[in-house]
C-alpha atoms as a PDB file:
ATOM      1  CA  MET A   1      17.226  -6.875  -8.627  1.00  0.00           C
ATOM      2  CA  SER A   2      15.946  -3.856  -7.008  1.00  0.00           C
ATOM      3  CA  GLN A   3      15.884  -0.674  -8.925  1.00  0.00           C
ATOM      4  CA  ILE A   4      15.542   2.789  -7.346  1.00  0.00           C
ATOM      5  CA  CYS A   5      12.321   4.428  -8.293  1.00  0.00           C
ATOM      6  CA  PRO A   6      13.204   7.635 -10.291  1.00  0.00           C
ATOM      7  CA  GLU A   7      10.070   9.789  -9.007  1.00  0.00           C
ATOM      8  CA  ILE A   8       7.951   9.643  -6.015  1.00  0.00           C
ATOM      9  CA  THR A   9       5.352  12.367  -5.839  1.00  0.00           C
ATOM     10  CA  ALA A  10       2.061  12.978  -4.289  1.00  0.00           C
ATOM     11  CA  LEU A  11      -0.953  11.312  -5.852  1.00  0.00           C
ATOM     12  CA  GLU A  12      -3.301  13.700  -7.490  1.00  0.00           C
ATOM     13  CA  PRO A  13      -6.805  13.472  -8.591  1.00  0.00           C
ATOM     14  CA  SER A  14      -5.745  13.394 -12.347  1.00  0.00           C
ATOM     15  CA  ASP A  15      -4.257   9.860 -11.192  1.00  0.00           C
ATOM     16  CA  LEU A  16      -7.753   8.300 -10.509  1.00  0.00           C
ATOM     17  CA  ASP A  17      -8.111   6.505 -14.016  1.00  0.00           C
ATOM     18  CA  ALA A  18      -4.542   5.009 -13.746  1.00  0.00           C
ATOM     19  CA  LEU A  19      -5.282   4.037 -10.067  1.00  0.00           C
ATOM     20  CA  GLN A  20      -8.410   2.192 -10.983  1.00  0.00           C
ATOM     21  CA  ASP A  21      -6.794   0.365 -13.990  1.00  0.00           C
ATOM     22  CA  ILE A  22      -3.886  -0.898 -11.758  1.00  0.00           C
ATOM     23  CA  GLU A  23      -6.477  -1.899  -8.839  1.00  0.00           C
ATOM     24  CA  LEU A  24      -8.410  -3.792 -11.640  1.00  0.00           C
ATOM     25  CA  ARG A  25      -5.553  -5.639 -12.620  1.00  0.00           C
ATOM     26  CA  ALA A  26      -3.692  -6.235  -9.362  1.00  0.00           C
ATOM     27  CA  TYR A  27      -6.621  -7.680  -7.403  1.00  0.00           C
ATOM     28  CA  GLU A  28      -9.516 -10.009  -7.579  1.00  0.00           C
ATOM     29  CA  VAL A  29     -11.548  -7.552  -5.417  1.00  0.00           C
ATOM     30  CA  PRO A  30     -10.228  -4.149  -5.987  1.00  0.00           C
ATOM     31  CA  TRP A  31     -10.834  -1.001  -4.344  1.00  0.00           C
ATOM     32  CA  SER A  32     -13.719   0.697  -5.867  1.00  0.00           C
ATOM     33  CA  ARG A  33     -13.409   3.972  -7.746  1.00  0.00           C
ATOM     34  CA  ARG A  34     -15.303   5.585  -4.787  1.00  0.00           C
ATOM     35  CA  ASN A  35     -12.658   4.179  -2.416  1.00  0.00           C
ATOM     36  CA  LEU A  36     -10.000   5.809  -4.534  1.00  0.00           C
ATOM     37  CA  GLU A  37     -11.798   9.113  -4.909  1.00  0.00           C
ATOM     38  CA  ASP A  38     -12.272   9.147  -1.087  1.00  0.00           C
ATOM     39  CA  SER A  39      -8.581   8.340  -0.493  1.00  0.00           C
ATOM     40  CA  LEU A  40      -7.501  11.165  -2.877  1.00  0.00           C
ATOM     41  CA  SER A  41      -9.680  13.901  -1.496  1.00  0.00           C
ATOM     42  CA  GLY A  42      -9.794  12.805   2.296  1.00  0.00           C
ATOM     43  CA  ASP A  43      -7.401  12.928   5.021  1.00  0.00           C
ATOM     44  CA  HIS A  44      -5.235  10.006   3.431  1.00  0.00           C
ATOM     45  CA  ILE A  45      -1.708  10.695   2.477  1.00  0.00           C
ATOM     46  CA  GLY A  46      -1.218   9.125  -1.162  1.00  0.00           C
ATOM     47  CA  ILE A  47       2.012   8.741  -2.858  1.00  0.00           C
ATOM     48  CA  ALA A  48       2.947   7.834  -6.469  1.00  0.00           C
ATOM     49  CA  CYS A  49       5.772   5.908  -7.943  1.00  0.00           C
ATOM     50  CA  ARG A  50       6.338   6.860 -11.484  1.00  0.00           C
ATOM     51  CA  HIS A  51       8.581   5.664 -14.203  1.00  0.00           C
ATOM     52  CA  ASP A  52       9.016   8.055 -17.284  1.00  0.00           C
ATOM     53  CA  GLY A  53       5.950   9.863 -15.798  1.00  0.00           C
ATOM     54  CA  ARG A  54       3.588   6.850 -15.923  1.00  0.00           C
ATOM     55  CA  LEU A  55       2.009   5.535 -12.624  1.00  0.00           C
ATOM     56  CA  ILE A  56       3.449   2.223 -11.784  1.00  0.00           C
ATOM     57  CA  GLY A  57       2.753   1.983  -8.205  1.00  0.00           C
ATOM     58  CA  TYR A  58       1.186   3.757  -5.060  1.00  0.00           C
ATOM     59  CA  ALA A  59       0.397   3.775  -1.476  1.00  0.00           C
ATOM     60  CA  PHE A  60      -2.335   5.206   0.743  1.00  0.00           C
ATOM     61  CA  MET A  61      -1.572   5.929   4.370  1.00  0.00           C
ATOM     62  CA  MET A  62      -3.428   7.570   7.421  1.00  0.00           C
ATOM     63  CA  LYS A  63      -1.847   9.025  10.399  1.00  0.00           C
ATOM     64  CA  VAL A  64      -3.570   8.447  13.805  1.00  0.00           C
ATOM     65  CA  LEU A  65      -1.973  10.127  16.646  1.00  0.00           C
ATOM     66  CA  ASP A  66       1.579   8.783  16.663  1.00  0.00           C
ATOM     67  CA  GLU A  67       1.051   5.896  14.380  1.00  0.00           C
ATOM     68  CA  MET A  68       0.658   5.484  10.586  1.00  0.00           C
ATOM     69  CA  HIS A  69      -1.696   3.053   9.081  1.00  0.00           C
ATOM     70  CA  LEU A  70      -0.887   1.556   5.665  1.00  0.00           C
ATOM     71  CA  LEU A  71      -3.964   1.362   3.863  1.00  0.00           C
ATOM     72  CA  ASN A  72      -3.035   0.210   0.425  1.00  0.00           C
ATOM     73  CA  LEU A  73       0.339  -0.369  -1.255  1.00  0.00           C
ATOM     74  CA  THR A  74       0.101  -1.559  -4.678  1.00  0.00           C
ATOM     75  CA  VAL A  75       2.519  -2.062  -7.759  1.00  0.00           C
ATOM     76  CA  ASP A  76       1.132  -2.264 -11.225  1.00  0.00           C
ATOM     77  CA  PRO A  77       1.429  -6.131 -11.916  1.00  0.00           C
ATOM     78  CA  ALA A  78       3.530  -5.513 -15.032  1.00  0.00           C
ATOM     79  CA  TRP A  79       6.062  -3.901 -12.936  1.00  0.00           C
ATOM     80  CA  GLN A  80       6.098  -6.284  -9.934  1.00  0.00           C
ATOM     81  CA  GLY A  81       9.152  -8.305  -8.725  1.00  0.00           C
ATOM     82  CA  ARG A  82      11.527  -5.389  -9.569  1.00  0.00           C
ATOM     83  CA  GLY A  83      11.800  -3.710  -6.207  1.00  0.00           C
ATOM     84  CA  TRP A  84       9.219  -0.885  -6.676  1.00  0.00           C
ATOM     85  CA  GLY A  85       7.129  -2.197  -3.796  1.00  0.00           C
ATOM     86  CA  ARG A  86      10.142  -2.171  -1.411  1.00  0.00           C
ATOM     87  CA  ASN A  87      10.916   1.311  -2.406  1.00  0.00           C
ATOM     88  CA  LEU A  88       7.420   2.511  -2.107  1.00  0.00           C
ATOM     89  CA  LEU A  89       7.454   0.803   1.497  1.00  0.00           C
ATOM     90  CA  ASP A  90      10.604   2.695   2.302  1.00  0.00           C
ATOM     91  CA  GLU A  91       9.170   5.976   1.284  1.00  0.00           C
ATOM     92  CA  VAL A  92       6.051   5.299   3.425  1.00  0.00           C
ATOM     93  CA  LYS A  93       8.357   4.596   6.366  1.00  0.00           C
ATOM     94  CA  ALA A  94      10.422   7.794   5.825  1.00  0.00           C
ATOM     95  CA  ARG A  95       7.255   9.928   5.630  1.00  0.00           C
ATOM     96  CA  ALA A  96       5.745   8.268   8.678  1.00  0.00           C
ATOM     97  CA  ARG A  97       8.769   9.281  10.678  1.00  0.00           C
ATOM     98  CA  ALA A  98       8.860  12.690   9.358  1.00  0.00           C
ATOM     99  CA  LEU A  99       5.355  13.222  10.661  1.00  0.00           C
ATOM    100  CA  GLY A 100       6.343  12.075  14.005  1.00  0.00           C
ATOM    101  CA  CYS A 101       5.083   8.449  14.062  1.00  0.00           C
ATOM    102  CA  ASN A 102       6.699   5.649  15.900  1.00  0.00           C
ATOM    103  CA  GLN A 103       5.070   2.616  14.393  1.00  0.00           C
ATOM    104  CA  LEU A 104       3.595   1.630  11.138  1.00  0.00           C
ATOM    105  CA  LEU A 105       0.528  -0.708  11.060  1.00  0.00           C
ATOM    106  CA  LEU A 106      -1.232  -2.736   8.298  1.00  0.00           C
ATOM    107  CA  GLU A 107      -3.596  -5.541   7.344  1.00  0.00           C
ATOM    108  CA  VAL A 108      -2.774  -7.912   4.565  1.00  0.00           C
ATOM    109  CA  ARG A 109      -4.711 -10.686   2.942  1.00  0.00           C
ATOM    110  CA  HIS A 110      -3.799 -14.243   4.667  1.00  0.00           C
ATOM    111  CA  SER A 111      -3.408 -15.383   1.062  1.00  0.00           C
ATOM    112  CA  ASN A 112      -1.058 -12.470  -0.013  1.00  0.00           C
ATOM    113  CA  HIS A 113       2.288 -14.530   0.531  1.00  0.00           C
ATOM    114  CA  ARG A 114       4.152 -12.143  -1.601  1.00  0.00           C
ATOM    115  CA  ALA A 115       3.171  -9.114   0.344  1.00  0.00           C
ATOM    116  CA  ILE A 116       3.561 -10.733   3.684  1.00  0.00           C
ATOM    117  CA  GLN A 117       7.173 -11.834   2.599  1.00  0.00           C
ATOM    118  CA  LEU A 118       7.809  -8.428   1.718  1.00  0.00           C
ATOM    119  CA  TYR A 119       6.583  -6.842   5.000  1.00  0.00           C
ATOM    120  CA  ARG A 120       8.522  -9.447   7.148  1.00  0.00           C
ATOM    121  CA  SER A 121      11.603  -8.567   5.339  1.00  0.00           C
ATOM    122  CA  ASN A 122      11.136  -4.984   6.168  1.00  0.00           C
ATOM    123  CA  GLY A 123      10.769  -5.461  10.103  1.00  0.00           C
ATOM    124  CA  PHE A 124       7.168  -6.246  10.233  1.00  0.00           C
ATOM    125  CA  PHE A 125       5.659  -8.820  12.497  1.00  0.00           C
ATOM    126  CA  GLN A 126       2.182 -10.316  13.101  1.00  0.00           C
ATOM    127  CA  ILE A 127       0.418  -8.709  15.929  1.00  0.00           C
ATOM    128  CA  GLY A 128      -3.138 -10.059  15.268  1.00  0.00           C
ATOM    129  CA  LEU A 129      -5.755 -11.605  12.898  1.00  0.00           C
ATOM    130  CA  ARG A 130      -8.761 -10.184  11.888  1.00  0.00           C
ATOM    131  CA  ARG A 131     -11.254 -13.006  10.955  1.00  0.00           C
ATOM    132  CA  GLN A 132     -13.341 -12.607   7.920  1.00  0.00           C
ATOM    133  CA  TYR A 133     -11.880  -9.121   7.342  1.00  0.00           C
ATOM    134  CA  TYR A 134     -11.614  -9.016   3.460  1.00  0.00           C
ATOM    135  CA  PRO A 135     -14.324  -9.690   0.932  1.00  0.00           C
ATOM    136  CA  GLY A 136     -13.277 -12.278  -1.778  1.00  0.00           C
ATOM    137  CA  PRO A 137     -14.760 -13.908  -4.776  1.00  0.00           C
ATOM    138  CA  ARG A 138     -15.100 -17.076  -2.906  1.00  0.00           C
ATOM    139  CA  GLY A 139     -16.136 -15.905   0.482  1.00  0.00           C
ATOM    140  CA  ARG A 140     -14.432 -13.607   3.126  1.00  0.00           C
ATOM    141  CA  GLU A 141     -10.759 -13.963   3.973  1.00  0.00           C
ATOM    142  CA  ASP A 142      -8.882 -13.345   7.249  1.00  0.00           C
ATOM    143  CA  ALA A 143      -6.270 -10.423   7.630  1.00  0.00           C
ATOM    144  CA  ILE A 144      -2.921 -10.544   9.229  1.00  0.00           C
ATOM    145  CA  VAL A 145      -2.414  -7.544  11.252  1.00  0.00           C
ATOM    146  CA  MET A 146       1.359  -6.315  11.173  1.00  0.00           C
ATOM    147  CA  ARG A 147       3.386  -3.848  12.747  1.00  0.00           C
ATOM    148  CA  SER A 148       6.792  -2.170  12.427  1.00  0.00           C
ATOM    149  CA  ALA A 149       8.590   0.035  14.774  1.00  0.00           C
ATOM    150  CA  LEU A 150       9.854   3.298  13.036  1.00  0.00           C
END
């Protein structure tokens, strides 16, 4: 059953340790601390989903002209399956529309069936494939490129 995220805020530099902790538990090949630092301090838009003040999910996105590119959407593994990812994705779409974007683009690992299902159920469809895009513990992996109109 989906629950409404009680608090969605901007990510802050003080979230760095919590971001890294979630990345390390969520992925075999997580974003590095440097990737997270760069995203927090650069031109990326970062949003946090918090429950009782604790970071439980986040998204990074980047506006390019009239498109928004979703760079990372992650929910703490202990909180997955409760609708938080859907809530974050809804917020990403709302913010993209508010910034004048007409579509949202993303790449997702070919093996990430749960994320692919989430994206498809939210109006995304495959528009391409990037071969050998993601590094992995057993070699490189293809990325599915998806798009949703806003």
